[in-house]
Each structure stands twice: as structure tokens, then as C-alpha cells.
Amino acid sequence: MKLRLGVVLWFLSWIPYGLILGLKGGWLAVAWTVEILLGLVGIALAGSEFAKLVKERGWRGAPRVAWGALITGRSTSAGQ
């Protein structure tokens, strides 16, 4: 679940909310700050889950298991 949430937050950080909403000046800076924070939180969540996955499965199996967890939403623990 963390992997999925992290990827979604990271994806949402790429949407230019300030430009879409027509913000200018300080408000545009606030929108950019929010976008950057969304991306960092997303990377932190997905990265921590991916790090666990690599420790459990090794680098060779990590992409397949990460993709499966992202698509199905199932746990990435070794027993699953």
C-alpha cells in the first residue's frame, strides 16, 4: 500500500497546479512548494517500501515484485 501511495503522490507532484489555477507571485511559489513536498513524500514512502523489497528479494527480483505490488496492491513481504 505504501508503494502505491508513494507513486501516486509522486505522480501528483508533476501536475502544475499553480499554472492550472492561474496563480501568480507568492501563491505560485506556495503551489510549487506543495508540489515539491508531494514529490518528496511520495519518494520517501515508495523508496522505503522498495528498500524493504530489495532486502527481502534481492535486486534481480525487485522490479518484478515492485511492479506486481503496484498493480495488485498486495504486500511485498517475503511470505507473500
N, C-alpha and C. Protein backbone atom coordinates (compact mmCIF):
# COMPACT_ATOMS: atom_id res chain seq x y z
N MET A 1 0.82 -1.19 0.00
CA MET A 1 0.00 0.00 0.00
C MET A 1 0.87 1.26 0.00
N LYS A 2 1.98 1.24 0.76
CA LYS A 2 2.86 2.41 0.79
C LYS A 2 3.47 2.67 -0.58
N LEU A 3 3.81 1.60 -1.27
CA LEU A 3 4.40 1.76 -2.59
C LEU A 3 3.41 2.46 -3.53
N ARG A 4 2.19 2.00 -3.50
CA ARG A 4 1.16 2.59 -4.35
C ARG A 4 0.91 4.06 -4.00
N LEU A 5 0.76 4.33 -2.71
CA LEU A 5 0.53 5.71 -2.25
C LEU A 5 1.71 6.61 -2.62
N GLY A 6 2.92 6.10 -2.44
CA GLY A 6 4.10 6.88 -2.77
C GLY A 6 4.16 7.24 -4.25
N VAL A 7 3.85 6.27 -5.10
CA VAL A 7 3.87 6.52 -6.54
C VAL A 7 2.78 7.53 -6.92
N VAL A 8 1.61 7.40 -6.32
CA VAL A 8 0.52 8.35 -6.62
C VAL A 8 0.90 9.76 -6.19
N LEU A 9 1.47 9.90 -4.99
CA LEU A 9 1.89 11.23 -4.54
C LEU A 9 2.96 11.81 -5.44
N TRP A 10 3.92 10.98 -5.83
CA TRP A 10 4.97 11.45 -6.74
C TRP A 10 4.37 11.89 -8.07
N PHE A 11 3.43 11.11 -8.59
CA PHE A 11 2.77 11.48 -9.84
C PHE A 11 2.02 12.80 -9.70
N LEU A 12 1.30 12.97 -8.59
CA LEU A 12 0.54 14.21 -8.37
C LEU A 12 1.46 15.43 -8.27
N SER A 13 2.70 15.20 -7.87
CA SER A 13 3.63 16.33 -7.76
C SER A 13 4.02 16.90 -9.13
N TRP A 14 3.79 16.16 -10.19
CA TRP A 14 4.14 16.63 -11.53
C TRP A 14 3.04 17.49 -12.17
N ILE A 15 1.89 17.58 -11.53
CA ILE A 15 0.80 18.40 -12.06
C ILE A 15 1.06 19.86 -11.69
N PRO A 16 1.11 20.76 -12.66
CA PRO A 16 1.41 22.17 -12.37
C PRO A 16 0.18 22.93 -11.85
N TYR A 17 -0.14 22.70 -10.59
CA TYR A 17 -1.35 23.29 -10.00
C TYR A 17 -1.35 24.82 -10.10
N GLY A 18 -0.23 25.43 -9.85
CA GLY A 18 -0.16 26.89 -9.90
C GLY A 18 -0.49 27.44 -11.27
N LEU A 19 -0.01 26.79 -12.31
CA LEU A 19 -0.29 27.25 -13.67
C LEU A 19 -1.73 26.96 -14.06
N ILE A 20 -2.24 25.80 -13.66
CA ILE A 20 -3.62 25.44 -13.97
C ILE A 20 -4.59 26.41 -13.31
N LEU A 21 -4.29 26.78 -12.08
CA LEU A 21 -5.16 27.68 -11.34
C LEU A 21 -4.89 29.16 -11.64
N GLY A 22 -3.88 29.43 -12.45
CA GLY A 22 -3.57 30.80 -12.82
C GLY A 22 -2.99 31.63 -11.68
N LEU A 23 -2.24 30.99 -10.80
CA LEU A 23 -1.67 31.71 -9.66
C LEU A 23 -0.45 32.52 -10.09
N LYS A 24 -0.21 33.59 -9.36
CA LYS A 24 0.95 34.44 -9.65
C LYS A 24 1.62 34.84 -8.34
N GLY A 25 2.88 35.23 -8.46
CA GLY A 25 3.62 35.75 -7.32
C GLY A 25 3.82 34.74 -6.20
N GLY A 26 3.51 35.17 -5.00
CA GLY A 26 3.72 34.35 -3.81
C GLY A 26 2.89 33.07 -3.81
N TRP A 27 1.67 33.17 -4.35
CA TRP A 27 0.81 31.99 -4.38
C TRP A 27 1.37 30.92 -5.32
N LEU A 28 2.00 31.34 -6.39
CA LEU A 28 2.64 30.39 -7.30
C LEU A 28 3.79 29.68 -6.59
N ALA A 29 4.54 30.43 -5.80
CA ALA A 29 5.63 29.84 -5.02
C ALA A 29 5.10 28.84 -4.00
N VAL A 30 3.97 29.15 -3.38
CA VAL A 30 3.35 28.22 -2.43
C VAL A 30 2.92 26.95 -3.15
N ALA A 31 2.32 27.09 -4.33
CA ALA A 31 1.89 25.92 -5.10
C ALA A 31 3.09 25.06 -5.47
N TRP A 32 4.19 25.66 -5.89
CA TRP A 32 5.40 24.91 -6.22
C TRP A 32 5.95 24.19 -5.00
N THR A 33 5.90 24.86 -3.86
CA THR A 33 6.37 24.24 -2.62
C THR A 33 5.54 23.01 -2.29
N VAL A 34 4.23 23.12 -2.45
CA VAL A 34 3.36 21.98 -2.19
C VAL A 34 3.67 20.85 -3.17
N GLU A 35 3.88 21.17 -4.43
CA GLU A 35 4.22 20.16 -5.42
C GLU A 35 5.51 19.45 -5.07
N ILE A 36 6.51 20.20 -4.66
CA ILE A 36 7.80 19.61 -4.29
C ILE A 36 7.65 18.71 -3.07
N LEU A 37 6.88 19.17 -2.08
CA LEU A 37 6.65 18.36 -0.88
C LEU A 37 5.90 17.08 -1.21
N LEU A 38 4.91 17.15 -2.09
CA LEU A 38 4.21 15.94 -2.53
C LEU A 38 5.19 14.94 -3.13
N GLY A 39 6.07 15.42 -3.98
CA GLY A 39 7.05 14.55 -4.61
C GLY A 39 8.00 13.93 -3.62
N LEU A 40 8.48 14.72 -2.68
CA LEU A 40 9.43 14.19 -1.68
C LEU A 40 8.77 13.17 -0.77
N VAL A 41 7.55 13.44 -0.35
CA VAL A 41 6.84 12.47 0.50
C VAL A 41 6.57 11.19 -0.29
N GLY A 42 6.18 11.34 -1.54
CA GLY A 42 5.95 10.17 -2.39
C GLY A 42 7.19 9.32 -2.57
N ILE A 43 8.31 9.97 -2.82
CA ILE A 43 9.57 9.24 -2.98
C ILE A 43 9.97 8.57 -1.68
N ALA A 44 9.76 9.26 -0.55
CA ALA A 44 10.10 8.68 0.74
C ALA A 44 9.26 7.43 1.03
N LEU A 45 7.96 7.51 0.77
CA LEU A 45 7.10 6.36 1.02
C LEU A 45 7.43 5.20 0.09
N ALA A 46 7.48 5.47 -1.19
CA ALA A 46 7.76 4.41 -2.16
C ALA A 46 9.18 3.88 -1.98
N GLY A 47 10.11 4.78 -1.68
CA GLY A 47 11.51 4.36 -1.53
C GLY A 47 11.72 3.47 -0.33
N SER A 48 11.05 3.77 0.79
CA SER A 48 11.22 2.92 1.97
C SER A 48 10.64 1.54 1.72
N GLU A 49 9.53 1.48 1.03
CA GLU A 49 8.92 0.18 0.70
C GLU A 49 9.78 -0.59 -0.28
N PHE A 50 10.33 0.12 -1.27
CA PHE A 50 11.18 -0.53 -2.25
C PHE A 50 12.48 -1.03 -1.61
N ALA A 51 13.01 -0.29 -0.64
CA ALA A 51 14.22 -0.72 0.05
C ALA A 51 13.97 -2.02 0.80
N LYS A 52 12.82 -2.14 1.45
CA LYS A 52 12.47 -3.40 2.13
C LYS A 52 12.39 -4.53 1.13
N LEU A 53 11.79 -4.24 0.00
CA LEU A 53 11.62 -5.24 -1.05
C LEU A 53 12.97 -5.75 -1.55
N VAL A 54 13.91 -4.84 -1.76
CA VAL A 54 15.23 -5.22 -2.25
C VAL A 54 15.96 -6.07 -1.21
N LYS A 55 15.84 -5.72 0.06
CA LYS A 55 16.48 -6.51 1.11
C LYS A 55 15.91 -7.93 1.16
N GLU A 56 14.60 -8.07 0.95
CA GLU A 56 13.96 -9.37 1.03
C GLU A 56 14.18 -10.21 -0.22
N ARG A 57 14.09 -9.61 -1.36
CA ARG A 57 14.10 -10.36 -2.63
C ARG A 57 15.38 -10.23 -3.43
N GLY A 58 16.20 -9.25 -3.13
CA GLY A 58 17.40 -9.02 -3.94
C GLY A 58 17.08 -8.15 -5.14
N TRP A 59 18.13 -7.59 -5.73
CA TRP A 59 17.94 -6.66 -6.85
C TRP A 59 17.33 -7.32 -8.07
N ARG A 60 17.65 -8.57 -8.30
CA ARG A 60 17.14 -9.22 -9.52
C ARG A 60 15.63 -9.38 -9.51
N GLY A 61 15.05 -9.71 -8.36
CA GLY A 61 13.61 -9.92 -8.30
C GLY A 61 12.81 -8.67 -7.93
N ALA A 62 13.51 -7.62 -7.55
CA ALA A 62 12.83 -6.42 -7.06
C ALA A 62 11.91 -5.75 -8.08
N PRO A 63 12.33 -5.54 -9.33
CA PRO A 63 11.42 -4.86 -10.27
C PRO A 63 10.12 -5.62 -10.50
N ARG A 64 10.21 -6.94 -10.64
CA ARG A 64 9.00 -7.74 -10.88
C ARG A 64 8.04 -7.66 -9.69
N VAL A 65 8.59 -7.80 -8.49
CA VAL A 65 7.76 -7.77 -7.29
C VAL A 65 7.20 -6.36 -7.05
N ALA A 66 8.01 -5.33 -7.29
CA ALA A 66 7.54 -3.95 -7.12
C ALA A 66 6.41 -3.65 -8.10
N TRP A 67 6.56 -4.06 -9.33
CA TRP A 67 5.51 -3.83 -10.32
C TRP A 67 4.24 -4.58 -9.92
N GLY A 68 4.40 -5.82 -9.49
CA GLY A 68 3.24 -6.60 -9.04
C GLY A 68 2.55 -5.96 -7.86
N ALA A 69 3.31 -5.46 -6.91
CA ALA A 69 2.74 -4.80 -5.74
C ALA A 69 2.03 -3.51 -6.14
N LEU A 70 2.58 -2.79 -7.10
CA LEU A 70 1.97 -1.55 -7.57
C LEU A 70 0.64 -1.83 -8.27
N ILE A 71 0.59 -2.87 -9.07
CA ILE A 71 -0.61 -3.19 -9.83
C ILE A 71 -1.68 -3.84 -8.94
N THR A 72 -1.29 -4.84 -8.15
CA THR A 72 -2.27 -5.60 -7.38
C THR A 72 -2.52 -5.01 -5.99
N GLY A 73 -1.56 -4.26 -5.45
CA GLY A 73 -1.72 -3.69 -4.13
C GLY A 73 -1.41 -4.68 -3.01
N ARG A 74 -0.90 -5.85 -3.35
CA ARG A 74 -0.57 -6.85 -2.34
C ARG A 74 0.70 -6.48 -1.61
N SER A 75 0.86 -7.05 -0.43
CA SER A 75 2.04 -6.80 0.39
C SER A 75 3.28 -7.29 -0.32
N THR A 76 4.40 -6.67 -0.02
CA THR A 76 5.67 -7.07 -0.63
C THR A 76 6.50 -7.91 0.31
N SER A 77 5.92 -8.36 1.42
CA SER A 77 6.72 -9.13 2.38
C SER A 77 7.11 -10.47 1.80
N ALA A 78 8.16 -11.08 2.36
CA ALA A 78 8.74 -12.30 1.83
C ALA A 78 7.74 -13.45 1.84
N GLY A 79 6.83 -13.48 2.77
CA GLY A 79 5.88 -14.57 2.87
C GLY A 79 4.76 -14.50 1.86
N GLN A 80 4.63 -13.45 1.11
CA GLN A 80 3.50 -13.28 0.22
C GLN A 80 3.87 -13.51 -1.22
